[in-house]
C-alpha cells in the first residue's frame, strides 16, 4: 500500500497545510447547463437563465484556478491511531468459495472506433428509413423531413413528402451528430459486455432509446410524434445498433490509462515512458 505524506508548514508555532479552497462554481455551472438543455423542451427564458448561470459559474471557477489556484490554510492536527481488535486469531478466507469483485475492463475501444461505428450505423439506419418512405407511399424525403419536423411545425403531409433543402440540411446534421454520439457511447459500453457485445448494441440500447423517445418525443418533436411509425423506427434502431456494434467490436482495443496519473494521461509528464538513453553522436 502506498503512503503519501502531506507537506506541513509552520508559522509562529502553528502547523498548517494548504488545501484547495472550497467553491460552489462547479455546481452552478452544472445547474446552468442542465437548465439550458431543459429550456429546449420548456421555454426560452429557462434556457437563457441557464446560460447566465453557466457563464457565471465558469467565470467564477476560472478566476479561482487562474493564474494560480486558490488555497486555504487548515490547521494540521496530529492524530495517533492505534489499531485494536477483539479477535484472538487470524481468520482465513476460503478460496473455494470465491470472492466478489468489480469486473472493470482493462482495455477499451478508441474514440475512432466509436466514430466509425456511428457513421456505419447512420448509413444503415438511413437505408431503412428511406425504404420505409418507399413502402409507406410518402416518398424517400418523408422520413428525412420528419426528422427535421421540429423546425417545420405546421408542415402538411404533402410538404413533408416533397424535397426541402432546409429540412434536408437540418435532418442530416441531426442524424450525423446523434449517430456519432451514440457510436462513441457504444465504444465505451461494449467492453462491459465482452461475451455478448451485440446484445447491448443490437437489442438493449435500441429498446432503451426507443422507450425514452416514446415518452418524450411529443415535447421534442410533436410533428414527428404524430406521424411516426414506431415499428419501423425500432427496426431502424436495431439496424443501427447491430451495424455500429459490429464495426466497433472488430476494432483493436487499447489499454486503459486509469492507473496513470493525470499529468501522464494529459501528456504533461511521462517519466519512464520516454527513451531516456543517451543519444549516440
C-alpha atoms as a PDB file:
ATOM      1  CA  UNK A   1       0.000   0.000   0.000  1.00  0.00           C
ATOM      2  CA  UNK A   2       1.351   3.405  -0.942  1.00  0.00           C
ATOM      3  CA  UNK A   3       1.724   6.072   1.711  1.00  0.00           C
ATOM      4  CA  UNK A   4       1.531   9.744   0.792  1.00  0.00           C
ATOM      5  CA  UNK A   5       2.936  12.415   3.081  1.00  0.00           C
ATOM      6  CA  UNK A   6       1.291  15.825   3.252  1.00  0.00           C
ATOM      7  CA  UNK A   7       3.716  18.711   3.442  1.00  0.00           C
ATOM      8  CA  UNK A   8       3.124  20.718   6.584  1.00  0.00           C
ATOM      9  CA  UNK A   9       4.356  24.236   7.255  1.00  0.00           C
ATOM     10  CA  UNK A  10       4.593  26.270  10.408  1.00  0.00           C
ATOM     11  CA  UNK A  11       4.073  29.930  11.138  1.00  0.00           C
ATOM     12  CA  UNK A  12       4.508  31.409  14.616  1.00  0.00           C
ATOM     13  CA  UNK A  13       4.429  27.977  16.187  1.00  0.00           C
ATOM     14  CA  UNK A  14       1.320  26.816  14.311  1.00  0.00           C
ATOM     15  CA  UNK A  15       1.433  23.918  11.867  1.00  0.00           C
ATOM     16  CA  UNK A  16      -0.837  24.082   8.846  1.00  0.00           C
ATOM     17  CA  UNK A  17      -1.304  22.619   5.370  1.00  0.00           C
ATOM     18  CA  UNK A  18      -2.652  24.142   2.164  1.00  0.00           C
ATOM     19  CA  UNK A  19      -5.767  22.636   0.613  1.00  0.00           C
ATOM     20  CA  UNK A  20      -7.831  23.712  -2.429  1.00  0.00           C
ATOM     21  CA  UNK A  21     -10.323  26.388  -1.420  1.00  0.00           C
ATOM     22  CA  UNK A  22     -13.979  25.238  -1.436  1.00  0.00           C
ATOM     23  CA  UNK A  23     -16.167  26.644  -4.192  1.00  0.00           C
ATOM     24  CA  UNK A  24     -19.721  26.224  -5.468  1.00  0.00           C
ATOM     25  CA  UNK A  25     -18.774  27.256  -9.006  1.00  0.00           C
ATOM     26  CA  UNK A  26     -18.853  23.694 -10.479  1.00  0.00           C
ATOM     27  CA  UNK A  27     -22.353  23.125  -9.077  1.00  0.00           C
ATOM     28  CA  UNK A  28     -23.570  26.446 -10.506  1.00  0.00           C
ATOM     29  CA  UNK A  29     -22.035  25.616 -13.886  1.00  0.00           C
ATOM     30  CA  UNK A  30     -23.620  22.153 -13.965  1.00  0.00           C
ATOM     31  CA  UNK A  31     -27.016  23.523 -12.908  1.00  0.00           C
ATOM     32  CA  UNK A  32     -26.826  26.193 -15.599  1.00  0.00           C
ATOM     33  CA  UNK A  33     -26.052  23.624 -18.300  1.00  0.00           C
ATOM     34  CA  UNK A  34     -28.968  21.487 -17.094  1.00  0.00           C
ATOM     35  CA  UNK A  35     -31.295  24.495 -17.331  1.00  0.00           C
ATOM     36  CA  UNK A  36     -30.042  25.251 -20.849  1.00  0.00           C
ATOM     37  CA  UNK A  37     -30.998  21.773 -22.065  1.00  0.00           C
ATOM     38  CA  UNK A  38     -34.221  21.883 -20.070  1.00  0.00           C
ATOM     39  CA  UNK A  39     -35.134  25.109 -21.840  1.00  0.00           C
ATOM     40  CA  UNK A  40     -35.156  23.244 -25.167  1.00  0.00           C
ATOM     41  CA  UNK A  41     -38.255  21.391 -24.011  1.00  0.00           C
ATOM     42  CA  UNK A  42     -39.873  24.157 -21.917  1.00  0.00           C
ATOM     43  CA  UNK A  43     -39.280  27.848 -22.587  1.00  0.00           C
ATOM     44  CA  UNK A  44     -36.572  30.143 -23.884  1.00  0.00           C
ATOM     45  CA  UNK A  45     -36.460  32.007 -20.545  1.00  0.00           C
ATOM     46  CA  UNK A  46     -35.333  28.810 -18.811  1.00  0.00           C
ATOM     47  CA  UNK A  47     -32.546  28.355 -21.368  1.00  0.00           C
ATOM     48  CA  UNK A  48     -31.457  31.985 -21.038  1.00  0.00           C
ATOM     49  CA  UNK A  49     -31.362  31.691 -17.231  1.00  0.00           C
ATOM     50  CA  UNK A  50     -29.291  28.536 -17.541  1.00  0.00           C
ATOM     51  CA  UNK A  51     -26.861  30.250 -19.912  1.00  0.00           C
ATOM     52  CA  UNK A  52     -26.343  33.114 -17.441  1.00  0.00           C
ATOM     53  CA  UNK A  53     -25.769  30.694 -14.566  1.00  0.00           C
ATOM     54  CA  UNK A  54     -23.363  28.613 -16.656  1.00  0.00           C
ATOM     55  CA  UNK A  55     -21.347  31.698 -17.614  1.00  0.00           C
ATOM     56  CA  UNK A  56     -21.270  32.916 -14.012  1.00  0.00           C
ATOM     57  CA  UNK A  57     -20.175  29.504 -12.738  1.00  0.00           C
ATOM     58  CA  UNK A  58     -17.484  29.146 -15.410  1.00  0.00           C
ATOM     59  CA  UNK A  59     -16.160  32.664 -14.757  1.00  0.00           C
ATOM     60  CA  UNK A  60     -16.027  32.111 -11.004  1.00  0.00           C
ATOM     61  CA  UNK A  61     -14.369  28.717 -11.450  1.00  0.00           C
ATOM     62  CA  UNK A  62     -11.703  30.046 -13.822  1.00  0.00           C
ATOM     63  CA  UNK A  63     -10.907  33.019 -11.581  1.00  0.00           C
ATOM     64  CA  UNK A  64     -10.250  30.626  -8.704  1.00  0.00           C
ATOM     65  CA  UNK A  65      -7.919  28.484 -10.819  1.00  0.00           C
ATOM     66  CA  UNK A  66      -6.088  31.067 -12.931  1.00  0.00           C
ATOM     67  CA  UNK A  67      -3.425  32.351 -12.817  1.00  0.00           C
ATOM     68  CA  UNK A  68      -2.898  30.412  -9.558  1.00  0.00           C
ATOM     69  CA  UNK A  69      -5.254  28.002  -7.822  1.00  0.00           C
ATOM     70  CA  UNK A  70      -6.916  29.347  -4.694  1.00  0.00           C
ATOM     71  CA  UNK A  71      -5.911  27.615  -1.462  1.00  0.00           C
ATOM     72  CA  UNK A  72      -6.819  27.839   2.187  1.00  0.00           C
ATOM     73  CA  UNK A  73      -4.837  27.022   5.281  1.00  0.00           C
ATOM     74  CA  UNK A  74      -6.020  24.206   7.516  1.00  0.00           C
ATOM     75  CA  UNK A  75      -4.523  23.540  10.902  1.00  0.00           C
ATOM     76  CA  UNK A  76      -2.542  20.304  10.977  1.00  0.00           C
ATOM     77  CA  UNK A  77      -3.604  18.212  13.955  1.00  0.00           C
ATOM     78  CA  UNK A  78      -1.567  15.086  14.607  1.00  0.00           C
ATOM     79  CA  UNK A  79      -3.776  12.148  15.476  1.00  0.00           C
ATOM     80  CA  UNK A  80      -2.222   8.904  16.624  1.00  0.00           C
ATOM     81  CA  UNK A  81      -4.301   5.905  15.619  1.00  0.00           C
ATOM     82  CA  UNK A  82      -3.663   2.684  17.489  1.00  0.00           C
ATOM     83  CA  UNK A  83      -5.205  -0.327  15.731  1.00  0.00           C
ATOM     84  CA  UNK A  84      -7.127  -2.592  18.077  1.00  0.00           C
ATOM     85  CA  UNK A  85      -9.046  -5.806  17.551  1.00  0.00           C
ATOM     86  CA  UNK A  86     -11.187  -8.136  19.593  1.00  0.00           C
ATOM     87  CA  UNK A  87     -10.163 -11.220  17.611  1.00  0.00           C
ATOM     88  CA  UNK A  88      -7.682 -13.630  19.122  1.00  0.00           C
ATOM     89  CA  UNK A  89      -6.832 -15.430  15.883  1.00  0.00           C
ATOM     90  CA  UNK A  90      -6.454 -14.725  12.176  1.00  0.00           C
ATOM     91  CA  UNK A  91      -9.489 -15.578  10.078  1.00  0.00           C
ATOM     92  CA  UNK A  92      -8.659 -17.012   6.653  1.00  0.00           C
ATOM     93  CA  UNK A  93     -10.856 -16.708   3.573  1.00  0.00           C
ATOM     94  CA  UNK A  94     -11.775 -19.948   1.851  1.00  0.00           C
ATOM     95  CA  UNK A  95     -10.560 -19.685  -1.745  1.00  0.00           C
ATOM     96  CA  UNK A  96     -13.091 -22.276  -2.928  1.00  0.00           C
ATOM     97  CA  UNK A  97     -15.996 -20.008  -2.057  1.00  0.00           C
ATOM     98  CA  UNK A  98     -14.878 -17.277  -4.431  1.00  0.00           C
ATOM     99  CA  UNK A  99     -14.586 -13.536  -3.991  1.00  0.00           C
ATOM    100  CA  UNK A 100     -16.943 -10.935  -5.395  1.00  0.00           C
ATOM    101  CA  UNK A 101     -15.011  -8.127  -7.080  1.00  0.00           C
ATOM    102  CA  UNK A 102     -15.699  -5.438  -9.616  1.00  0.00           C
ATOM    103  CA  UNK A 103     -15.282  -6.589 -13.223  1.00  0.00           C
ATOM    104  CA  UNK A 104     -13.824  -3.463 -14.802  1.00  0.00           C
ATOM    105  CA  UNK A 105     -12.479  -3.564 -18.360  1.00  0.00           C
ATOM    106  CA  UNK A 106      -8.714  -3.060 -18.560  1.00  0.00           C
ATOM    107  CA  UNK A 107      -8.980  -2.342 -22.289  1.00  0.00           C
ATOM    108  CA  UNK A 108     -11.444  -0.228 -24.218  1.00  0.00           C
ATOM    109  CA  UNK A 109     -12.145   0.835 -27.770  1.00  0.00           C
ATOM    110  CA  UNK A 110     -10.634   4.099 -29.035  1.00  0.00           C
ATOM    111  CA  UNK A 111     -12.839   7.039 -29.948  1.00  0.00           C
ATOM    112  CA  UNK A 112     -12.116   6.432 -33.629  1.00  0.00           C
ATOM    113  CA  UNK A 113     -13.847   3.046 -33.347  1.00  0.00           C
ATOM    114  CA  UNK A 114     -16.971   4.720 -31.976  1.00  0.00           C
ATOM    115  CA  UNK A 115     -16.881   7.330 -34.745  1.00  0.00           C
ATOM    116  CA  UNK A 116     -16.622   4.672 -37.456  1.00  0.00           C
ATOM    117  CA  UNK A 117     -19.339   2.597 -35.833  1.00  0.00           C
ATOM    118  CA  UNK A 118     -21.628   5.610 -35.549  1.00  0.00           C
ATOM    119  CA  UNK A 119     -21.155   6.546 -39.206  1.00  0.00           C
ATOM    120  CA  UNK A 120     -21.729   2.957 -40.357  1.00  0.00           C
ATOM    121  CA  UNK A 121     -24.846   2.699 -38.205  1.00  0.00           C
ATOM    122  CA  UNK A 122     -26.073   6.026 -39.560  1.00  0.00           C
ATOM    123  CA  UNK A 123     -25.889   4.667 -43.117  1.00  0.00           C
ATOM    124  CA  UNK A 124     -27.782   1.504 -42.138  1.00  0.00           C
ATOM    125  CA  UNK A 125     -30.449   3.481 -40.295  1.00  0.00           C
ATOM    126  CA  UNK A 126     -30.850   5.908 -43.201  1.00  0.00           C
ATOM    127  CA  UNK A 127     -31.289   2.971 -45.611  1.00  0.00           C
ATOM    128  CA  UNK A 128     -34.144   1.549 -43.511  1.00  0.00           C
ATOM    129  CA  UNK A 129     -35.725   4.999 -43.191  1.00  0.00           C
ATOM    130  CA  UNK A 130     -35.648   5.527 -46.972  1.00  0.00           C
ATOM    131  CA  UNK A 131     -37.079   2.029 -47.508  1.00  0.00           C
ATOM    132  CA  UNK A 132     -39.912   2.907 -45.110  1.00  0.00           C
ATOM    133  CA  UNK A 133     -40.627   6.047 -47.119  1.00  0.00           C
ATOM    134  CA  UNK A 134     -40.943   3.975 -50.291  1.00  0.00           C
ATOM    135  CA  UNK A 135     -43.107   1.269 -48.674  1.00  0.00           C
ATOM    136  CA  UNK A 136     -45.425   3.781 -46.989  1.00  0.00           C
ATOM    137  CA  UNK A 137     -46.001   5.595 -50.282  1.00  0.00           C
ATOM    138  CA  UNK A 138     -44.930   9.005 -48.953  1.00  0.00           C
ATOM    139  CA  UNK A 139     -41.586   9.059 -50.764  1.00  0.00           C
ATOM    140  CA  UNK A 140     -37.971   8.967 -49.681  1.00  0.00           C
ATOM    141  CA  UNK A 141     -37.981  12.527 -48.360  1.00  0.00           C
ATOM    142  CA  UNK A 142     -40.838  11.872 -45.899  1.00  0.00           C
ATOM    143  CA  UNK A 143     -38.681  10.318 -43.106  1.00  0.00           C
ATOM    144  CA  UNK A 144     -35.980  12.938 -43.731  1.00  0.00           C
ATOM    145  CA  UNK A 145     -38.418  15.820 -43.335  1.00  0.00           C
ATOM    146  CA  UNK A 146     -39.980  14.155 -40.283  1.00  0.00           C
ATOM    147  CA  UNK A 147     -36.624  14.217 -38.525  1.00  0.00           C
ATOM    148  CA  UNK A 148     -36.471  17.990 -39.054  1.00  0.00           C
ATOM    149  CA  UNK A 149     -40.198  18.500 -38.449  1.00  0.00           C
ATOM    150  CA  UNK A 150     -39.462  20.261 -35.171  1.00  0.00           C
ATOM    151  CA  UNK A 151     -38.394  23.243 -37.270  1.00  0.00           C
ATOM    152  CA  UNK A 152     -41.459  22.833 -39.552  1.00  0.00           C
ATOM    153  CA  UNK A 153     -44.302  22.526 -37.035  1.00  0.00           C
ATOM    154  CA  UNK A 154     -47.133  23.367 -39.444  1.00  0.00           C
ATOM    155  CA  UNK A 155     -45.994  21.236 -42.392  1.00  0.00           C
ATOM    156  CA  UNK A 156     -48.607  19.092 -44.133  1.00  0.00           C
ATOM    157  CA  UNK A 157     -48.213  15.570 -45.476  1.00  0.00           C
ATOM    158  CA  UNK A 158     -47.628  16.920 -48.973  1.00  0.00           C
ATOM    159  CA  UNK A 159     -44.933  19.313 -47.739  1.00  0.00           C
ATOM    160  CA  UNK A 160     -43.268  16.550 -45.721  1.00  0.00           C
ATOM    161  CA  UNK A 161     -43.234  14.284 -48.776  1.00  0.00           C
ATOM    162  CA  UNK A 162     -41.560  16.865 -51.036  1.00  0.00           C
ATOM    163  CA  UNK A 163     -37.888  17.810 -51.105  1.00  0.00           C
ATOM    164  CA  UNK A 164     -36.939  20.716 -48.838  1.00  0.00           C
ATOM    165  CA  UNK A 165     -33.312  21.819 -48.868  1.00  0.00           C
ATOM    166  CA  UNK A 166     -33.506  23.435 -45.414  1.00  0.00           C
ATOM    167  CA  UNK A 167     -35.155  20.413 -43.821  1.00  0.00           C
ATOM    168  CA  UNK A 168     -32.681  18.100 -45.566  1.00  0.00           C
ATOM    169  CA  UNK A 169     -29.700  20.016 -44.148  1.00  0.00           C
ATOM    170  CA  UNK A 170     -31.174  20.111 -40.631  1.00  0.00           C
ATOM    171  CA  UNK A 171     -32.054  16.412 -40.699  1.00  0.00           C
ATOM    172  CA  UNK A 172     -28.602  15.487 -41.992  1.00  0.00           C
ATOM    173  CA  UNK A 173     -26.931  17.487 -39.222  1.00  0.00           C
ATOM    174  CA  UNK A 174     -29.141  15.959 -36.506  1.00  0.00           C
ATOM    175  CA  UNK A 175     -28.627  12.448 -37.864  1.00  0.00           C
ATOM    176  CA  UNK A 176     -24.836  12.700 -38.062  1.00  0.00           C
ATOM    177  CA  UNK A 177     -24.375  14.300 -34.636  1.00  0.00           C
ATOM    178  CA  UNK A 178     -26.688  11.817 -32.901  1.00  0.00           C
ATOM    179  CA  UNK A 179     -25.086   8.851 -34.669  1.00  0.00           C
ATOM    180  CA  UNK A 180     -21.571   9.947 -33.714  1.00  0.00           C
ATOM    181  CA  UNK A 181     -22.537  10.455 -30.081  1.00  0.00           C
ATOM    182  CA  UNK A 182     -24.250   7.063 -29.855  1.00  0.00           C
ATOM    183  CA  UNK A 183     -21.342   5.396 -31.656  1.00  0.00           C
ATOM    184  CA  UNK A 184     -18.815   6.786 -29.169  1.00  0.00           C
ATOM    185  CA  UNK A 185     -21.135   5.681 -26.352  1.00  0.00           C
ATOM    186  CA  UNK A 186     -21.212   2.162 -27.786  1.00  0.00           C
ATOM    187  CA  UNK A 187     -17.419   2.129 -27.859  1.00  0.00           C
ATOM    188  CA  UNK A 188     -17.342   2.980 -24.160  1.00  0.00           C
ATOM    189  CA  UNK A 189     -20.034   0.482 -23.113  1.00  0.00           C
ATOM    190  CA  UNK A 190     -19.260  -2.553 -25.263  1.00  0.00           C
ATOM    191  CA  UNK A 191     -16.188  -3.640 -23.204  1.00  0.00           C
ATOM    192  CA  UNK A 192     -18.545  -4.116 -20.252  1.00  0.00           C
ATOM    193  CA  UNK A 193     -20.220  -6.989 -22.135  1.00  0.00           C
ATOM    194  CA  UNK A 194     -17.215  -8.763 -23.666  1.00  0.00           C
ATOM    195  CA  UNK A 195     -19.028 -12.043 -24.303  1.00  0.00           C
ATOM    196  CA  UNK A 196     -22.116 -10.588 -25.973  1.00  0.00           C
ATOM    197  CA  UNK A 197     -21.141  -7.225 -27.495  1.00  0.00           C
ATOM    198  CA  UNK A 198     -24.031  -7.210 -29.979  1.00  0.00           C
ATOM    199  CA  UNK A 199     -26.544  -7.863 -27.192  1.00  0.00           C
ATOM    200  CA  UNK A 200     -26.007  -4.318 -25.929  1.00  0.00           C
ATOM    201  CA  UNK A 201     -25.680  -2.571 -29.282  1.00  0.00           C
ATOM    202  CA  UNK A 202     -28.313  -4.553 -31.164  1.00  0.00           C
ATOM    203  CA  UNK A 203     -31.075  -5.101 -28.592  1.00  0.00           C
ATOM    204  CA  UNK A 204     -30.701  -3.450 -25.186  1.00  0.00           C
ATOM    205  CA  UNK A 205     -29.679   0.013 -26.402  1.00  0.00           C
ATOM    206  CA  UNK A 206     -32.398   0.245 -29.119  1.00  0.00           C
ATOM    207  CA  UNK A 207     -35.055  -0.819 -26.612  1.00  0.00           C
ATOM    208  CA  UNK A 208     -33.943   1.776 -24.066  1.00  0.00           C
ATOM    209  CA  UNK A 209     -33.556   4.508 -26.711  1.00  0.00           C
ATOM    210  CA  UNK A 210     -36.970   3.772 -28.252  1.00  0.00           C
ATOM    211  CA  UNK A 211     -38.642   3.787 -24.831  1.00  0.00           C
ATOM    212  CA  UNK A 212     -37.091   7.113 -23.888  1.00  0.00           C
ATOM    213  CA  UNK A 213     -38.108   8.735 -27.175  1.00  0.00           C
ATOM    214  CA  UNK A 214     -41.621   7.282 -26.988  1.00  0.00           C
ATOM    215  CA  UNK A 215     -42.188   9.041 -23.659  1.00  0.00           C
ATOM    216  CA  UNK A 216     -40.566  12.373 -24.564  1.00  0.00           C
ATOM    217  CA  UNK A 217     -40.926  12.786 -28.336  1.00  0.00           C
ATOM    218  CA  UNK A 218     -44.164  14.751 -28.018  1.00  0.00           C
ATOM    219  CA  UNK A 219     -42.173  17.504 -26.279  1.00  0.00           C
ATOM    220  CA  UNK A 220     -39.124  17.382 -28.542  1.00  0.00           C
ATOM    221  CA  UNK A 221     -40.782  16.987 -31.952  1.00  0.00           C
ATOM    222  CA  UNK A 222     -44.625  16.962 -31.855  1.00  0.00           C
ATOM    223  CA  UNK A 223     -44.977  16.580 -35.630  1.00  0.00           C
ATOM    224  CA  UNK A 224     -42.743  13.517 -35.644  1.00  0.00           C
ATOM    225  CA  UNK A 225     -44.602  12.071 -32.645  1.00  0.00           C
ATOM    226  CA  UNK A 226     -47.926  12.303 -34.531  1.00  0.00           C
ATOM    227  CA  UNK A 227     -46.741  10.665 -37.753  1.00  0.00           C
ATOM    228  CA  UNK A 228     -44.002   8.259 -36.669  1.00  0.00           C
ATOM    229  CA  UNK A 229     -44.368   4.511 -37.228  1.00  0.00           C
ATOM    230  CA  UNK A 230     -42.814   3.037 -34.093  1.00  0.00           C
ATOM    231  CA  UNK A 231     -42.396  -0.429 -35.616  1.00  0.00           C
ATOM    232  CA  UNK A 232     -40.224   0.893 -38.421  1.00  0.00           C
ATOM    233  CA  UNK A 233     -38.448   3.201 -36.012  1.00  0.00           C
ATOM    234  CA  UNK A 234     -37.487   0.275 -33.770  1.00  0.00           C
ATOM    235  CA  UNK A 235     -36.325  -1.781 -36.757  1.00  0.00           C
ATOM    236  CA  UNK A 236     -34.109   1.091 -37.912  1.00  0.00           C
ATOM    237  CA  UNK A 237     -32.689   1.392 -34.394  1.00  0.00           C
ATOM    238  CA  UNK A 238     -31.923  -2.343 -34.429  1.00  0.00           C
ATOM    239  CA  UNK A 239     -30.111  -1.919 -37.733  1.00  0.00           C
ATOM    240  CA  UNK A 240     -28.095   0.962 -36.330  1.00  0.00           C
ATOM    241  CA  UNK A 241     -27.203  -0.961 -33.171  1.00  0.00           C
ATOM    242  CA  UNK A 242     -26.157  -4.159 -34.932  1.00  0.00           C
ATOM    243  CA  UNK A 243     -24.032  -2.415 -37.576  1.00  0.00           C
ATOM    244  CA  UNK A 244     -22.442   0.014 -35.110  1.00  0.00           C
ATOM    245  CA  UNK A 245     -21.782  -2.782 -32.618  1.00  0.00           C
ATOM    246  CA  UNK A 246     -20.146  -4.982 -35.258  1.00  0.00           C
ATOM    247  CA  UNK A 247     -17.905  -2.181 -36.516  1.00  0.00           C
ATOM    248  CA  UNK A 248     -16.847  -1.139 -33.010  1.00  0.00           C
ATOM    249  CA  UNK A 249     -16.275  -4.685 -31.702  1.00  0.00           C
ATOM    250  CA  UNK A 250     -13.960  -5.540 -34.606  1.00  0.00           C
ATOM    251  CA  UNK A 251     -11.604  -2.686 -33.835  1.00  0.00           C
ATOM    252  CA  UNK A 252      -8.469  -3.291 -31.782  1.00  0.00           C
ATOM    253  CA  UNK A 253      -8.715  -2.300 -28.149  1.00  0.00           C
ATOM    254  CA  UNK A 254      -6.216  -0.084 -26.348  1.00  0.00           C
ATOM    255  CA  UNK A 255      -5.066  -0.367 -22.749  1.00  0.00           C
ATOM    256  CA  UNK A 256      -6.812   1.750 -20.165  1.00  0.00           C
ATOM    257  CA  UNK A 257      -4.872   4.725 -18.798  1.00  0.00           C
ATOM    258  CA  UNK A 258      -6.684   4.745 -15.439  1.00  0.00           C
ATOM    259  CA  UNK A 259      -3.644   3.569 -13.414  1.00  0.00           C
ATOM    260  CA  UNK A 260      -1.629   6.518 -14.735  1.00  0.00           C
ATOM    261  CA  UNK A 261      -1.615   9.922 -13.114  1.00  0.00           C
ATOM    262  CA  UNK A 262      -3.460  12.889 -14.587  1.00  0.00           C
ATOM    263  CA  UNK A 263      -0.219  14.506 -15.722  1.00  0.00           C
ATOM    264  CA  UNK A 264       0.825  11.387 -17.610  1.00  0.00           C
ATOM    265  CA  UNK A 265      -2.601  10.941 -19.220  1.00  0.00           C
ATOM    266  CA  UNK A 266      -2.560  14.574 -20.358  1.00  0.00           C
ATOM    267  CA  UNK A 267       0.945  14.205 -21.772  1.00  0.00           C
ATOM    268  CA  UNK A 268       2.456  16.785 -19.425  1.00  0.00           C
ATOM    269  CA  UNK A 269       4.736  14.335 -17.665  1.00  0.00           C
ATOM    270  CA  UNK A 270       5.796  10.937 -18.901  1.00  0.00           C
ATOM    271  CA  UNK A 271       8.542   9.542 -16.671  1.00  0.00           C
ATOM    272  CA  UNK A 272       9.528   6.064 -17.695  1.00  0.00           C
ATOM    273  CA  UNK A 273       7.592   6.226 -20.952  1.00  0.00           C
ATOM    274  CA  UNK A 274      10.215   8.096 -22.960  1.00  0.00           C
ATOM    275  CA  UNK A 275      13.511   6.794 -24.163  1.00  0.00           C
ATOM    276  CA  UNK A 276      15.973   8.464 -21.798  1.00  0.00           C
ATOM    277  CA  UNK A 277      19.014   6.601 -23.074  1.00  0.00           C
ATOM    278  CA  UNK A 278      21.838   8.900 -24.191  1.00  0.00           C
ATOM    279  CA  UNK A 279      21.948   9.550 -27.914  1.00  0.00           C
ATOM    280  CA  UNK A 280      24.971   8.330 -29.802  1.00  0.00           C
ATOM    281  CA  UNK A 281      26.859  11.040 -31.570  1.00  0.00           C
END
